Amino acid sequence: MTATAFGQGIDEFNRQQFYACHDTLEALWMESTEPEKTFYQGILQIAVACYHLENNNWRG
């Protein structure tokens, strides 16, 4: 993955395409090492939370 994939993930997040953002950034996260790994994980967790809120999944 490249900086282009990161930009795509951020663009998806900003367009509220949280599921797509998760898929894009998860690939980066899985390939990364610290400290980037924790950074990507944080963004992923926010995207997943937004996805669940969007779907009124309060337990998600």
Protein backbone atom coordinates (compact mmCIF):
# COMPACT_ATOMS: atom_id res chain seq x y z
CA MET A 1 0.00 0.00 0.00
CA THR A 2 1.07 3.54 -0.58
CA ALA A 3 0.29 7.06 0.50
CA THR A 4 -2.31 6.95 -2.28
CA ALA A 5 -4.24 4.26 -0.40
CA PHE A 6 -4.11 6.39 2.74
CA GLY A 7 -5.45 9.37 0.79
CA GLN A 8 -8.22 7.18 -0.61
CA GLY A 9 -9.16 6.03 2.90
CA ILE A 10 -9.28 9.60 4.19
CA ASP A 11 -11.35 10.66 1.19
CA GLU A 12 -13.78 7.82 1.86
CA PHE A 13 -13.99 8.83 5.52
CA ASN A 14 -14.67 12.46 4.60
CA ARG A 15 -17.43 11.33 2.19
CA GLN A 16 -18.89 9.27 5.07
CA GLN A 17 -18.21 6.01 3.25
CA PHE A 18 -17.14 4.41 6.49
CA TYR A 19 -17.32 0.77 5.39
CA ALA A 20 -15.16 1.47 2.35
CA CYS A 21 -12.78 3.49 4.51
CA HIS A 22 -12.44 0.53 6.86
CA ASP A 23 -11.60 -1.82 4.00
CA THR A 24 -9.05 0.56 2.51
CA LEU A 25 -7.28 1.41 5.75
CA GLU A 26 -7.41 -2.12 7.15
CA ALA A 27 -5.10 -3.24 4.36
CA LEU A 28 -2.64 -0.50 5.34
CA TRP A 29 -2.97 -1.35 9.02
CA MET A 30 -2.26 -5.04 8.48
CA GLU A 31 0.96 -4.28 6.56
CA SER A 32 2.26 -1.54 8.84
CA THR A 33 4.57 -1.44 11.84
CA GLU A 34 4.60 0.86 14.85
CA PRO A 35 3.99 3.73 15.25
CA GLU A 36 1.94 3.82 12.03
CA LYS A 37 0.04 0.66 13.00
CA THR A 38 -1.51 2.33 16.06
CA PHE A 39 -2.29 5.46 14.02
CA TYR A 40 -4.18 3.45 11.38
CA GLN A 41 -5.94 1.45 14.09
CA GLY A 42 -7.28 4.64 15.66
CA ILE A 43 -8.71 5.89 12.38
CA LEU A 44 -10.20 2.45 11.72
CA GLN A 45 -11.91 2.41 15.10
CA ILE A 46 -13.43 5.83 14.48
CA ALA A 47 -14.65 4.77 11.02
CA VAL A 48 -16.25 1.62 12.44
CA ALA A 49 -17.91 3.61 15.23
CA CYS A 50 -19.32 6.06 12.67
CA TYR A 51 -20.56 3.16 10.55
CA HIS A 52 -22.39 1.66 13.54
CA LEU A 53 -23.85 5.02 14.57
CA GLU A 54 -25.09 5.56 11.03
CA ASN A 55 -26.96 2.25 11.26
CA ASN A 56 -28.32 2.91 14.77
CA ASN A 57 -26.29 -0.01 16.07
CA TRP A 58 -25.69 1.29 19.57
CA ARG A 59 -24.15 -1.99 20.73
CA GLY A 60 -21.70 -2.21 17.80
